[in-house]
């Protein structure tokens, strides 16, 4: 038999997944998830909300805002005692905005706390 003129399943599934990813966030969802994270009661909820905010971030939201969300998520990881993960988020925040004082302070606190745990 010749080649099928129909799209095969091996193409359709990744294509649909890509469309879902590209359309998953509206323009204001970054701010909505960030706000939800700021009002979350537990570190787990904060991490989930800030992660979703980062997934929805666009250039229009601003690099400094993205840095702040990384710092906030780092704070949540620090609350859980996951200092290595927190340090990664603080580093990302500082890479994006060297003036993000929350990330600089959080990084210093997490590094000190990590050393106390070892």
C-alpha atoms as a PDB file:
ATOM      1  CA  UNK A   1       0.000   0.000   0.000  1.00  0.00           C
ATOM      2  CA  UNK A   2       1.093   3.554  -0.602  1.00  0.00           C
ATOM      3  CA  UNK A   3       1.535   6.226   2.007  1.00  0.00           C
ATOM      4  CA  UNK A   4      -1.630   7.304   3.740  1.00  0.00           C
ATOM      5  CA  UNK A   5      -2.925  10.769   3.048  1.00  0.00           C
ATOM      6  CA  UNK A   6      -4.185  10.956   6.626  1.00  0.00           C
ATOM      7  CA  UNK A   7      -2.223  12.343   9.549  1.00  0.00           C
ATOM      8  CA  UNK A   8      -0.898   9.576  11.729  1.00  0.00           C
ATOM      9  CA  UNK A   9      -1.385   9.365  15.494  1.00  0.00           C
ATOM     10  CA  UNK A  10       2.324   9.915  16.087  1.00  0.00           C
ATOM     11  CA  UNK A  11       1.917  13.416  14.659  1.00  0.00           C
ATOM     12  CA  UNK A  12      -1.510  14.295  16.026  1.00  0.00           C
ATOM     13  CA  UNK A  13      -0.786  13.746  19.730  1.00  0.00           C
ATOM     14  CA  UNK A  14       2.310  15.991  19.935  1.00  0.00           C
ATOM     15  CA  UNK A  15       0.569  18.604  17.789  1.00  0.00           C
ATOM     16  CA  UNK A  16      -2.508  18.673  20.050  1.00  0.00           C
ATOM     17  CA  UNK A  17      -0.292  18.810  23.156  1.00  0.00           C
ATOM     18  CA  UNK A  18       1.552  21.784  21.671  1.00  0.00           C
ATOM     19  CA  UNK A  19      -1.716  23.587  20.943  1.00  0.00           C
ATOM     20  CA  UNK A  20      -2.937  22.994  24.491  1.00  0.00           C
ATOM     21  CA  UNK A  21       0.343  24.350  25.880  1.00  0.00           C
ATOM     22  CA  UNK A  22       0.266  27.427  23.653  1.00  0.00           C
ATOM     23  CA  UNK A  23      -3.333  28.244  24.487  1.00  0.00           C
ATOM     24  CA  UNK A  24      -3.269  27.193  28.158  1.00  0.00           C
ATOM     25  CA  UNK A  25      -2.754  30.691  29.557  1.00  0.00           C
ATOM     26  CA  UNK A  26      -4.588  33.877  28.832  1.00  0.00           C
ATOM     27  CA  UNK A  27      -2.890  37.244  29.053  1.00  0.00           C
ATOM     28  CA  UNK A  28      -3.901  37.910  32.655  1.00  0.00           C
ATOM     29  CA  UNK A  29      -3.355  34.436  34.090  1.00  0.00           C
ATOM     30  CA  UNK A  30       0.207  35.195  35.205  1.00  0.00           C
ATOM     31  CA  UNK A  31      -1.118  37.905  37.509  1.00  0.00           C
ATOM     32  CA  UNK A  32      -4.024  35.766  38.674  1.00  0.00           C
ATOM     33  CA  UNK A  33      -1.790  32.831  39.619  1.00  0.00           C
ATOM     34  CA  UNK A  34       0.713  35.165  41.261  1.00  0.00           C
ATOM     35  CA  UNK A  35      -2.046  36.722  43.365  1.00  0.00           C
ATOM     36  CA  UNK A  36      -3.399  33.297  44.255  1.00  0.00           C
ATOM     37  CA  UNK A  37       0.080  32.273  45.389  1.00  0.00           C
ATOM     38  CA  UNK A  38       0.436  35.389  47.524  1.00  0.00           C
ATOM     39  CA  UNK A  39      -2.819  34.499  49.284  1.00  0.00           C
ATOM     40  CA  UNK A  40      -2.161  30.748  49.582  1.00  0.00           C
ATOM     41  CA  UNK A  41      -2.133  29.266  53.064  1.00  0.00           C
ATOM     42  CA  UNK A  42       0.445  26.497  52.689  1.00  0.00           C
ATOM     43  CA  UNK A  43       3.864  26.241  51.047  1.00  0.00           C
ATOM     44  CA  UNK A  44       2.516  23.501  48.770  1.00  0.00           C
ATOM     45  CA  UNK A  45      -0.271  25.769  47.507  1.00  0.00           C
ATOM     46  CA  UNK A  46       2.194  28.620  47.022  1.00  0.00           C
ATOM     47  CA  UNK A  47       4.557  26.419  45.009  1.00  0.00           C
ATOM     48  CA  UNK A  48       1.708  25.195  42.813  1.00  0.00           C
ATOM     49  CA  UNK A  49       0.362  28.699  42.159  1.00  0.00           C
ATOM     50  CA  UNK A  50       3.748  30.294  41.525  1.00  0.00           C
ATOM     51  CA  UNK A  51       4.707  27.433  39.195  1.00  0.00           C
ATOM     52  CA  UNK A  52       1.507  27.985  37.211  1.00  0.00           C
ATOM     53  CA  UNK A  53       2.212  31.720  37.125  1.00  0.00           C
ATOM     54  CA  UNK A  54       5.685  31.053  35.714  1.00  0.00           C
ATOM     55  CA  UNK A  55       4.192  28.696  33.113  1.00  0.00           C
ATOM     56  CA  UNK A  56       1.858  31.516  32.016  1.00  0.00           C
ATOM     57  CA  UNK A  57       4.442  34.315  32.051  1.00  0.00           C
ATOM     58  CA  UNK A  58       4.951  36.323  28.867  1.00  0.00           C
ATOM     59  CA  UNK A  59       7.272  39.187  28.009  1.00  0.00           C
ATOM     60  CA  UNK A  60       4.348  41.554  28.541  1.00  0.00           C
ATOM     61  CA  UNK A  61       4.281  40.588  32.240  1.00  0.00           C
ATOM     62  CA  UNK A  62       7.798  41.940  32.724  1.00  0.00           C
ATOM     63  CA  UNK A  63      11.064  40.286  33.673  1.00  0.00           C
ATOM     64  CA  UNK A  64      11.128  41.907  37.130  1.00  0.00           C
ATOM     65  CA  UNK A  65       7.730  40.349  37.911  1.00  0.00           C
ATOM     66  CA  UNK A  66       8.994  36.952  36.810  1.00  0.00           C
ATOM     67  CA  UNK A  67      11.981  37.373  39.124  1.00  0.00           C
ATOM     68  CA  UNK A  68       9.658  38.210  42.027  1.00  0.00           C
ATOM     69  CA  UNK A  69       7.627  35.053  41.432  1.00  0.00           C
ATOM     70  CA  UNK A  70      10.790  32.928  41.386  1.00  0.00           C
ATOM     71  CA  UNK A  71      11.774  34.559  44.696  1.00  0.00           C
ATOM     72  CA  UNK A  72       8.328  33.897  46.178  1.00  0.00           C
ATOM     73  CA  UNK A  73       8.463  30.263  45.077  1.00  0.00           C
ATOM     74  CA  UNK A  74      11.953  30.035  46.584  1.00  0.00           C
ATOM     75  CA  UNK A  75      10.496  31.300  49.862  1.00  0.00           C
ATOM     76  CA  UNK A  76       7.872  28.544  49.761  1.00  0.00           C
ATOM     77  CA  UNK A  77      10.509  25.880  49.134  1.00  0.00           C
ATOM     78  CA  UNK A  78      12.540  27.297  52.026  1.00  0.00           C
ATOM     79  CA  UNK A  79       9.475  27.046  54.273  1.00  0.00           C
ATOM     80  CA  UNK A  80       9.388  23.336  53.465  1.00  0.00           C
ATOM     81  CA  UNK A  81      13.097  22.948  54.169  1.00  0.00           C
ATOM     82  CA  UNK A  82      13.922  22.265  50.499  1.00  0.00           C
ATOM     83  CA  UNK A  83      16.861  24.633  50.504  1.00  0.00           C
ATOM     84  CA  UNK A  84      18.626  23.354  47.386  1.00  0.00           C
ATOM     85  CA  UNK A  85      15.505  23.852  45.271  1.00  0.00           C
ATOM     86  CA  UNK A  86      14.938  27.253  46.881  1.00  0.00           C
ATOM     87  CA  UNK A  87      18.504  28.276  46.032  1.00  0.00           C
ATOM     88  CA  UNK A  88      17.858  27.385  42.394  1.00  0.00           C
ATOM     89  CA  UNK A  89      14.800  29.623  42.308  1.00  0.00           C
ATOM     90  CA  UNK A  90      16.643  32.464  44.032  1.00  0.00           C
ATOM     91  CA  UNK A  91      19.479  32.126  41.502  1.00  0.00           C
ATOM     92  CA  UNK A  92      16.998  32.299  38.608  1.00  0.00           C
ATOM     93  CA  UNK A  93      15.409  35.386  40.145  1.00  0.00           C
ATOM     94  CA  UNK A  94      18.777  37.094  40.572  1.00  0.00           C
ATOM     95  CA  UNK A  95      19.774  36.168  37.002  1.00  0.00           C
ATOM     96  CA  UNK A  96      16.614  37.912  35.804  1.00  0.00           C
ATOM     97  CA  UNK A  97      16.851  40.925  38.107  1.00  0.00           C
ATOM     98  CA  UNK A  98      19.961  41.594  40.199  1.00  0.00           C
ATOM     99  CA  UNK A  99      17.958  44.180  42.157  1.00  0.00           C
ATOM    100  CA  UNK A 100      15.421  41.633  43.420  1.00  0.00           C
ATOM    101  CA  UNK A 101      16.184  42.090  47.116  1.00  0.00           C
ATOM    102  CA  UNK A 102      13.770  39.344  48.154  1.00  0.00           C
ATOM    103  CA  UNK A 103      15.783  36.839  46.132  1.00  0.00           C
ATOM    104  CA  UNK A 104      19.135  38.099  47.433  1.00  0.00           C
ATOM    105  CA  UNK A 105      17.965  37.943  51.054  1.00  0.00           C
ATOM    106  CA  UNK A 106      16.166  34.644  50.571  1.00  0.00           C
ATOM    107  CA  UNK A 107      19.249  33.128  48.981  1.00  0.00           C
ATOM    108  CA  UNK A 108      21.429  34.157  51.923  1.00  0.00           C
ATOM    109  CA  UNK A 109      18.908  32.775  54.425  1.00  0.00           C
ATOM    110  CA  UNK A 110      18.472  29.485  52.537  1.00  0.00           C
ATOM    111  CA  UNK A 111      22.233  28.999  52.198  1.00  0.00           C
ATOM    112  CA  UNK A 112      22.681  29.588  55.930  1.00  0.00           C
ATOM    113  CA  UNK A 113      19.809  27.248  56.802  1.00  0.00           C
ATOM    114  CA  UNK A 114      21.142  24.556  54.439  1.00  0.00           C
ATOM    115  CA  UNK A 115      24.521  24.672  56.137  1.00  0.00           C
ATOM    116  CA  UNK A 116      22.827  24.266  59.519  1.00  0.00           C
ATOM    117  CA  UNK A 117      21.033  21.145  58.284  1.00  0.00           C
ATOM    118  CA  UNK A 118      24.203  19.406  57.083  1.00  0.00           C
END
